[in-house]
Amino acid sequence: ADEIEMRLTDLKPNKVRELDFINKFSVKLIIDGELNSILHFIYLLENEPHRFEIEDMRFEKGSSRTAQLKCRLTLSRILVK
């Protein structure tokens, strides 16, 4: 996040959901930054080697004088047992 000029302000792992042959891991993130930086960060998370899936994404406008946004994400990843 630091490399692309963003701030990760909160990170909360969720409980692992165990299904038949897989484990589903998810995490909630809150990140602050400009829209281009946030979208680049999401792109990096969705592609190799990370391969996260976005379950939920919400944007909130920060101060009216800056281009900063707050993004709330829920990311998940499935791992085969």
PDB file of N, CA and C in Angstrom:
ATOM      1  N   ALA A   1       0.826  -1.191   0.000  1.00  0.00           N
ATOM      2  CA  ALA A   1       0.000   0.000   0.000  1.00  0.00           C
ATOM      3  C   ALA A   1       0.874   1.260   0.000  1.00  0.00           C
ATOM      4  N   ASP A   2       1.981   1.247   0.741  1.00  0.00           N
ATOM      5  CA  ASP A   2       2.857   2.416   0.786  1.00  0.00           C
ATOM      6  C   ASP A   2       3.452   2.737  -0.578  1.00  0.00           C
ATOM      7  N   GLU A   3       3.760   1.709  -1.360  1.00  0.00           N
ATOM      8  CA  GLU A   3       4.385   1.921  -2.663  1.00  0.00           C
ATOM      9  C   GLU A   3       3.472   2.651  -3.632  1.00  0.00           C
ATOM     10  N   ILE A   4       2.164   2.530  -3.465  1.00  0.00           N
ATOM     11  CA  ILE A   4       1.246   3.194  -4.395  1.00  0.00           C
ATOM     12  C   ILE A   4       0.482   4.326  -3.703  1.00  0.00           C
ATOM     13  N   GLU A   5       1.086   4.904  -2.682  1.00  0.00           N
ATOM     14  CA  GLU A   5       0.599   6.101  -2.008  1.00  0.00           C
ATOM     15  C   GLU A   5      -0.815   5.952  -1.458  1.00  0.00           C
ATOM     16  N   MET A   6      -0.989   4.921  -0.651  1.00  0.00           N
ATOM     17  CA  MET A   6      -2.247   4.668   0.024  1.00  0.00           C
ATOM     18  C   MET A   6      -1.955   4.358   1.474  1.00  0.00           C
ATOM     19  N   ARG A   7      -2.982   4.458   2.287  1.00  0.00           N
ATOM     20  CA  ARG A   7      -2.850   4.083   3.690  1.00  0.00           C
ATOM     21  C   ARG A   7      -3.856   3.004   4.015  1.00  0.00           C
ATOM     22  N   LEU A   8      -3.394   1.941   4.604  1.00  0.00           N
ATOM     23  CA  LEU A   8      -4.254   0.881   5.109  1.00  0.00           C
ATOM     24  C   LEU A   8      -4.584   1.253   6.549  1.00  0.00           C
ATOM     25  N   THR A   9      -5.838   1.628   6.797  1.00  0.00           N
ATOM     26  CA  THR A   9      -6.189   2.135   8.127  1.00  0.00           C
ATOM     27  C   THR A   9      -6.803   1.085   9.033  1.00  0.00           C
ATOM     28  N   ASP A  10      -7.280  -0.028   8.460  1.00  0.00           N
ATOM     29  CA  ASP A  10      -7.855  -1.090   9.289  1.00  0.00           C
ATOM     30  C   ASP A  10      -7.802  -2.406   8.529  1.00  0.00           C
ATOM     31  N   LEU A  11      -7.552  -3.479   9.246  1.00  0.00           N
ATOM     32  CA  LEU A  11      -7.495  -4.823   8.667  1.00  0.00           C
ATOM     33  C   LEU A  11      -8.048  -5.789   9.704  1.00  0.00           C
ATOM     34  N   LYS A  12      -9.159  -6.470   9.350  1.00  0.00           N
ATOM     35  CA  LYS A  12      -9.780  -7.416  10.279  1.00  0.00           C
ATOM     36  C   LYS A  12     -10.038  -8.735   9.561  1.00  0.00           C
ATOM     37  N   PRO A  13      -9.350  -9.796   9.968  1.00  0.00           N
ATOM     38  CA  PRO A  13      -9.639 -11.100   9.369  1.00  0.00           C
ATOM     39  C   PRO A  13     -10.980 -11.627   9.875  1.00  0.00           C
ATOM     40  N   ASN A  14     -11.710 -12.271   8.999  1.00  0.00           N
ATOM     41  CA  ASN A  14     -12.962 -12.928   9.367  1.00  0.00           C
ATOM     42  C   ASN A  14     -12.688 -14.390   9.696  1.00  0.00           C
ATOM     43  N   LYS A  15     -13.673 -15.031  10.272  1.00  0.00           N
ATOM     44  CA  LYS A  15     -13.554 -16.445  10.604  1.00  0.00           C
ATOM     45  C   LYS A  15     -13.469 -17.272   9.318  1.00  0.00           C
ATOM     46  N   VAL A  16     -12.623 -18.291   9.305  1.00  0.00           N
ATOM     47  CA  VAL A  16     -12.478 -19.181   8.150  1.00  0.00           C
ATOM     48  C   VAL A  16     -13.754 -20.002   8.012  1.00  0.00           C
ATOM     49  N   ARG A  17     -14.284 -20.043   6.781  1.00  0.00           N
ATOM     50  CA  ARG A  17     -15.464 -20.866   6.510  1.00  0.00           C
ATOM     51  C   ARG A  17     -15.003 -22.159   5.857  1.00  0.00           C
ATOM     52  N   GLU A  18     -15.296 -23.260   6.518  1.00  0.00           N
ATOM     53  CA  GLU A  18     -14.884 -24.562   6.009  1.00  0.00           C
ATOM     54  C   GLU A  18     -16.049 -25.185   5.244  1.00  0.00           C
ATOM     55  N   LEU A  19     -15.815 -25.517   3.990  1.00  0.00           N
ATOM     56  CA  LEU A  19     -16.795 -26.193   3.157  1.00  0.00           C
ATOM     57  C   LEU A  19     -16.261 -27.585   2.844  1.00  0.00           C
ATOM     58  N   ASP A  20     -16.899 -28.334   1.975  1.00  0.00           N
ATOM     59  CA  ASP A  20     -16.524 -29.725   1.712  1.00  0.00           C
ATOM     60  C   ASP A  20     -15.022 -29.927   1.507  1.00  0.00           C
ATOM     61  N   PHE A  21     -14.489 -29.370   0.452  1.00  0.00           N
ATOM     62  CA  PHE A  21     -13.076 -29.585   0.121  1.00  0.00           C
ATOM     63  C   PHE A  21     -12.267 -28.296   0.099  1.00  0.00           C
ATOM     64  N   ILE A  22     -12.868 -27.233   0.614  1.00  0.00           N
ATOM     65  CA  ILE A  22     -12.176 -25.946   0.560  1.00  0.00           C
ATOM     66  C   ILE A  22     -12.305 -25.198   1.885  1.00  0.00           C
ATOM     67  N   ASN A  23     -11.400 -24.262   2.081  1.00  0.00           N
ATOM     68  CA  ASN A  23     -11.478 -23.285   3.164  1.00  0.00           C
ATOM     69  C   ASN A  23     -11.577 -21.915   2.520  1.00  0.00           C
ATOM     70  N   LYS A  24     -12.509 -21.107   2.989  1.00  0.00           N
ATOM     71  CA  LYS A  24     -12.670 -19.761   2.445  1.00  0.00           C
ATOM     72  C   LYS A  24     -12.228 -18.759   3.501  1.00  0.00           C
ATOM     73  N   PHE A  25     -11.163 -18.032   3.180  1.00  0.00           N
ATOM     74  CA  PHE A  25     -10.605 -17.017   4.053  1.00  0.00           C
ATOM     75  C   PHE A  25     -11.093 -15.652   3.574  1.00  0.00           C
ATOM     76  N   SER A  26     -11.432 -14.775   4.498  1.00  0.00           N
ATOM     77  CA  SER A  26     -11.803 -13.420   4.087  1.00  0.00           C
ATOM     78  C   SER A  26     -11.267 -12.410   5.095  1.00  0.00           C
ATOM     79  N   VAL A  27     -11.149 -11.187   4.613  1.00  0.00           N
ATOM     80  CA  VAL A  27     -10.602 -10.103   5.431  1.00  0.00           C
ATOM     81  C   VAL A  27     -11.303  -8.812   5.033  1.00  0.00           C
ATOM     82  N   LYS A  28     -11.517  -7.952   6.035  1.00  0.00           N
ATOM     83  CA  LYS A  28     -12.089  -6.634   5.784  1.00  0.00           C
ATOM     84  C   LYS A  28     -10.971  -5.602   5.884  1.00  0.00           C
ATOM     85  N   LEU A  29     -10.924  -4.710   4.907  1.00  0.00           N
ATOM     86  CA  LEU A  29      -9.907  -3.666   4.856  1.00  0.00           C
ATOM     87  C   LEU A  29     -10.571  -2.305   4.765  1.00  0.00           C
ATOM     88  N   ILE A  30      -9.927  -1.311   5.340  1.00  0.00           N
ATOM     89  CA  ILE A  30     -10.283   0.080   5.081  1.00  0.00           C
ATOM     90  C   ILE A  30      -9.007   0.750   4.606  1.00  0.00           C
ATOM     91  N   ILE A  31      -9.077   1.355   3.419  1.00  0.00           N
ATOM     92  CA  ILE A  31      -7.903   2.014   2.850  1.00  0.00           C
ATOM     93  C   ILE A  31      -8.265   3.446   2.470  1.00  0.00           C
ATOM     94  N   ASP A  32      -7.296   4.337   2.610  1.00  0.00           N
ATOM     95  CA  ASP A  32      -7.451   5.738   2.242  1.00  0.00           C
ATOM     96  C   ASP A  32      -6.489   6.055   1.115  1.00  0.00           C
ATOM     97  N   GLY A  33      -6.958   6.799   0.116  1.00  0.00           N
ATOM     98  CA  GLY A  33      -6.091   7.203  -0.975  1.00  0.00           C
ATOM     99  C   GLY A  33      -6.897   7.808  -2.095  1.00  0.00           C
ATOM    100  N   GLU A  34      -6.219   8.153  -3.164  1.00  0.00           N
ATOM    101  CA  GLU A  34      -6.902   8.664  -4.347  1.00  0.00           C
ATOM    102  C   GLU A  34      -7.463   7.496  -5.147  1.00  0.00           C
ATOM    103  N   LEU A  35      -8.490   7.762  -5.934  1.00  0.00           N
ATOM    104  CA  LEU A  35      -9.191   6.709  -6.656  1.00  0.00           C
ATOM    105  C   LEU A  35      -8.248   5.879  -7.514  1.00  0.00           C
ATOM    106  N   ASN A  36      -7.347   6.499  -8.258  1.00  0.00           N
ATOM    107  CA  ASN A  36      -6.420   5.749  -9.119  1.00  0.00           C
ATOM    108  C   ASN A  36      -5.545   4.796  -8.308  1.00  0.00           C
ATOM    109  N   SER A  37      -5.065   5.233  -7.162  1.00  0.00           N
ATOM    110  CA  SER A  37      -4.224   4.385  -6.306  1.00  0.00           C
ATOM    111  C   SER A  37      -5.022   3.217  -5.745  1.00  0.00           C
ATOM    112  N   ILE A  38      -6.245   3.482  -5.316  1.00  0.00           N
ATOM    113  CA  ILE A  38      -7.092   2.422  -4.766  1.00  0.00           C
ATOM    114  C   ILE A  38      -7.401   1.377  -5.837  1.00  0.00           C
ATOM    115  N   LEU A  39      -7.755   1.834  -7.038  1.00  0.00           N
ATOM    116  CA  LEU A  39      -8.068   0.899  -8.120  1.00  0.00           C
ATOM    117  C   LEU A  39      -6.847   0.071  -8.514  1.00  0.00           C
ATOM    118  N   HIS A  40      -5.668   0.675  -8.510  1.00  0.00           N
ATOM    119  CA  HIS A  40      -4.438  -0.064  -8.811  1.00  0.00           C
ATOM    120  C   HIS A  40      -4.179  -1.129  -7.738  1.00  0.00           C
ATOM    121  N   PHE A  41      -4.386  -0.782  -6.480  1.00  0.00           N
ATOM    122  CA  PHE A  41      -4.225  -1.722  -5.371  1.00  0.00           C
ATOM    123  C   PHE A  41      -5.188  -2.907  -5.517  1.00  0.00           C
ATOM    124  N   ILE A  42      -6.445  -2.623  -5.852  1.00  0.00           N
ATOM    125  CA  ILE A  42      -7.433  -3.687  -6.060  1.00  0.00           C
ATOM    126  C   ILE A  42      -7.022  -4.581  -7.222  1.00  0.00           C
ATOM    127  N   TYR A  43      -6.536  -3.983  -8.295  1.00  0.00           N
ATOM    128  CA  TYR A  43      -6.057  -4.749  -9.448  1.00  0.00           C
ATOM    129  C   TYR A  43      -4.942  -5.712  -9.033  1.00  0.00           C
ATOM    130  N   LEU A  44      -4.000  -5.229  -8.235  1.00  0.00           N
ATOM    131  CA  LEU A  44      -2.897  -6.073  -7.771  1.00  0.00           C
ATOM    132  C   LEU A  44      -3.398  -7.236  -6.916  1.00  0.00           C
ATOM    133  N   LEU A  45      -4.383  -6.985  -6.077  1.00  0.00           N
ATOM    134  CA  LEU A  45      -4.922  -8.037  -5.213  1.00  0.00           C
ATOM    135  C   LEU A  45      -5.692  -9.107  -5.987  1.00  0.00           C
ATOM    136  N   GLU A  46      -6.353  -8.699  -7.078  1.00  0.00           N
ATOM    137  CA  GLU A  46      -7.171  -9.639  -7.840  1.00  0.00           C
ATOM    138  C   GLU A  46      -6.353 -10.528  -8.775  1.00  0.00           C
ATOM    139  N   ASN A  47      -5.142 -10.131  -9.086  1.00  0.00           N
ATOM    140  CA  ASN A  47      -4.326 -10.865 -10.050  1.00  0.00           C
ATOM    141  C   ASN A  47      -3.225 -11.658  -9.362  1.00  0.00           C
ATOM    142  N   GLU A  48      -2.508 -12.452 -10.156  1.00  0.00           N
ATOM    143  CA  GLU A  48      -1.411 -13.284  -9.642  1.00  0.00           C
ATOM    144  C   GLU A  48      -0.403 -12.419  -8.915  1.00  0.00           C
ATOM    145  N   PRO A  49       0.172 -12.861  -7.850  1.00  0.00           N
ATOM    146  CA  PRO A  49       0.046 -14.162  -7.211  1.00  0.00           C
ATOM    147  C   PRO A  49      -1.050 -14.212  -6.143  1.00  0.00           C
ATOM    148  N   HIS A  50      -1.764 -13.103  -5.904  1.00  0.00           N
ATOM    149  CA  HIS A  50      -2.691 -13.022  -4.773  1.00  0.00           C
ATOM    150  C   HIS A  50      -4.046 -13.676  -5.035  1.00  0.00           C
ATOM    151  N   ARG A  51      -4.672 -13.337  -6.148  1.00  0.00           N
ATOM    152  CA  ARG A  51      -5.948 -13.936  -6.591  1.00  0.00           C
ATOM    153  C   ARG A  51      -7.083 -13.799  -5.565  1.00  0.00           C
ATOM    154  N   PHE A  52      -7.214 -12.616  -4.962  1.00  0.00           N
ATOM    155  CA  PHE A  52      -8.332 -12.368  -4.062  1.00  0.00           C
ATOM    156  C   PHE A  52      -9.582 -12.035  -4.861  1.00  0.00           C
ATOM    157  N   GLU A  53     -10.740 -12.333  -4.278  1.00  0.00           N
ATOM    158  CA  GLU A  53     -12.025 -11.994  -4.875  1.00  0.00           C
ATOM    159  C   GLU A  53     -12.652 -10.906  -4.016  1.00  0.00           C
ATOM    160  N   ILE A  54     -13.250  -9.922  -4.652  1.00  0.00           N
ATOM    161  CA  ILE A  54     -13.917  -8.858  -3.910  1.00  0.00           C
ATOM    162  C   ILE A  54     -15.351  -9.286  -3.625  1.00  0.00           C
ATOM    163  N   GLU A  55     -15.699  -9.346  -2.358  1.00  0.00           N
ATOM    164  CA  GLU A  55     -17.066  -9.680  -1.957  1.00  0.00           C
ATOM    165  C   GLU A  55     -17.904  -8.435  -1.758  1.00  0.00           C
ATOM    166  N   ASP A  56     -17.277  -7.361  -1.282  1.00  0.00           N
ATOM    167  CA  ASP A  56     -17.994  -6.125  -1.004  1.00  0.00           C
ATOM    168  C   ASP A  56     -17.020  -4.964  -1.151  1.00  0.00           C
ATOM    169  N   MET A  57     -17.506  -3.851  -1.728  1.00  0.00           N
ATOM    170  CA  MET A  57     -16.651  -2.674  -1.878  1.00  0.00           C
ATOM    171  C   MET A  57     -17.536  -1.434  -1.782  1.00  0.00           C
ATOM    172  N   ARG A  58     -17.121  -0.485  -0.930  1.00  0.00           N
ATOM    173  CA  ARG A  58     -17.836   0.772  -0.778  1.00  0.00           C
ATOM    174  C   ARG A  58     -16.839   1.920  -0.715  1.00  0.00           C
ATOM    175  N   PHE A  59     -17.177   3.004  -1.364  1.00  0.00           N
ATOM    176  CA  PHE A  59     -16.347   4.200  -1.347  1.00  0.00           C
ATOM    177  C   PHE A  59     -17.058   5.298  -0.564  1.00  0.00           C
ATOM    178  N   GLU A  60     -16.261   6.066   0.175  1.00  0.00           N
ATOM    179  CA  GLU A  60     -16.777   7.231   0.887  1.00  0.00           C
ATOM    180  C   GLU A  60     -15.871   8.410   0.576  1.00  0.00           C
ATOM    181  N   LYS A  61     -16.465   9.554   0.360  1.00  0.00           N
ATOM    182  CA  LYS A  61     -15.698  10.757   0.077  1.00  0.00           C
ATOM    183  C   LYS A  61     -15.078  11.273   1.359  1.00  0.00           C
ATOM    184  N   GLY A  62     -13.820  11.669   1.265  1.00  0.00           N
ATOM    185  CA  GLY A  62     -13.135  12.260   2.411  1.00  0.00           C
ATOM    186  C   GLY A  62     -13.466  13.739   2.499  1.00  0.00           C
ATOM    187  N   SER A  63     -12.491  14.536   2.747  1.00  0.00           N
ATOM    188  CA  SER A  63     -12.655  15.984   2.834  1.00  0.00           C
ATOM    189  C   SER A  63     -13.042  16.559   1.475  1.00  0.00           C
ATOM    190  N   SER A  64     -13.831  17.605   1.480  1.00  0.00           N
ATOM    191  CA  SER A  64     -14.252  18.221   0.212  1.00  0.00           C
ATOM    192  C   SER A  64     -13.107  18.959  -0.473  1.00  0.00           C
ATOM    193  N   ARG A  65     -12.014  19.190   0.240  1.00  0.00           N
ATOM    194  CA  ARG A  65     -10.884  19.924  -0.342  1.00  0.00           C
ATOM    195  C   ARG A  65      -9.806  19.023  -0.935  1.00  0.00           C
ATOM    196  N   THR A  66      -9.930  17.718  -0.760  1.00  0.00           N
ATOM    197  CA  THR A  66      -8.918  16.801  -1.280  1.00  0.00           C
ATOM    198  C   THR A  66      -9.573  15.744  -2.161  1.00  0.00           C
ATOM    199  N   ALA A  67      -8.737  15.023  -2.887  1.00  0.00           N
ATOM    200  CA  ALA A  67      -9.217  13.943  -3.748  1.00  0.00           C
ATOM    201  C   ALA A  67      -9.164  12.598  -3.025  1.00  0.00           C
ATOM    202  N   GLN A  68      -8.970  12.626  -1.711  1.00  0.00           N
ATOM    203  CA  GLN A  68      -8.863  11.402  -0.923  1.00  0.00           C
ATOM    204  C   GLN A  68     -10.226  10.735  -0.766  1.00  0.00           C
ATOM    205  N   LEU A  69     -10.212   9.403  -0.868  1.00  0.00           N
ATOM    206  CA  LEU A  69     -11.394   8.586  -0.651  1.00  0.00           C
ATOM    207  C   LEU A  69     -11.097   7.552   0.414  1.00  0.00           C
ATOM    208  N   LYS A  70     -12.142   7.058   1.037  1.00  0.00           N
ATOM    209  CA  LYS A  70     -12.020   5.928   1.953  1.00  0.00           C
ATOM    210  C   LYS A  70     -12.728   4.765   1.269  1.00  0.00           C
ATOM    211  N   CYS A  71     -12.064   3.617   1.194  1.00  0.00           N
ATOM    212  CA  CYS A  71     -12.630   2.439   0.556  1.00  0.00           C
ATOM    213  C   CYS A  71     -12.705   1.310   1.577  1.00  0.00           C
ATOM    214  N   ARG A  72     -13.897   0.742   1.705  1.00  0.00           N
ATOM    215  CA  ARG A  72     -14.105  -0.412   2.592  1.00  0.00           C
ATOM    216  C   ARG A  72     -14.260  -1.632   1.697  1.00  0.00           C
ATOM    217  N   LEU A  73     -13.382  -2.607   1.901  1.00  0.00           N
ATOM    218  CA  LEU A  73     -13.357  -3.813   1.068  1.00  0.00           C
ATOM    219  C   LEU A  73     -13.507  -5.060   1.923  1.00  0.00           C
ATOM    220  N   THR A  74     -14.176  -6.053   1.368  1.00  0.00           N
ATOM    221  CA  THR A  74     -14.133  -7.382   1.937  1.00  0.00           C
ATOM    222  C   THR A  74     -13.566  -8.273   0.840  1.00  0.00           C
ATOM    223  N   LEU A  75     -12.409  -8.882   1.110  1.00  0.00           N
ATOM    224  CA  LEU A  75     -11.717  -9.732   0.154  1.00  0.00           C
ATOM    225  C   LEU A  75     -11.766 -11.166   0.648  1.00  0.00           C
ATOM    226  N   SER A  76     -11.821 -12.107  -0.292  1.00  0.00           N
ATOM    227  CA  SER A  76     -11.796 -13.515   0.095  1.00  0.00           C
ATOM    228  C   SER A  76     -10.893 -14.295  -0.844  1.00  0.00           C
ATOM    229  N   ARG A  77     -10.502 -15.451  -0.358  1.00  0.00           N
ATOM    230  CA  ARG A  77      -9.671 -16.360  -1.146  1.00  0.00           C
ATOM    231  C   ARG A  77     -10.014 -17.783  -0.747  1.00  0.00           C
ATOM    232  N   ILE A  78     -10.123 -18.641  -1.731  1.00  0.00           N
ATOM    233  CA  ILE A  78     -10.472 -20.028  -1.487  1.00  0.00           C
ATOM    234  C   ILE A  78      -9.212 -20.879  -1.623  1.00  0.00           C
ATOM    235  N   LEU A  79      -9.008 -21.743  -0.642  1.00  0.00           N
ATOM    236  CA  LEU A  79      -7.881 -22.670  -0.670  1.00  0.00           C
ATOM    237  C   LEU A  79      -8.416 -24.096  -0.573  1.00  0.00           C
ATOM    238  N   VAL A  80      -7.899 -24.968  -1.421  1.00  0.00           N
ATOM    239  CA  VAL A  80      -8.296 -26.363  -1.420  1.00  0.00           C
ATOM    240  C   VAL A  80      -7.645 -27.061  -0.245  1.00  0.00           C
ATOM    241  N   LYS A  81      -8.400 -27.901   0.457  1.00  0.00           N
ATOM    242  CA  LYS A  81      -7.867 -28.627   1.624  1.00  0.00           C
ATOM    243  C   LYS A  81      -6.926 -29.721   1.181  1.00  0.00           C
TER     244      LYS A  81
END
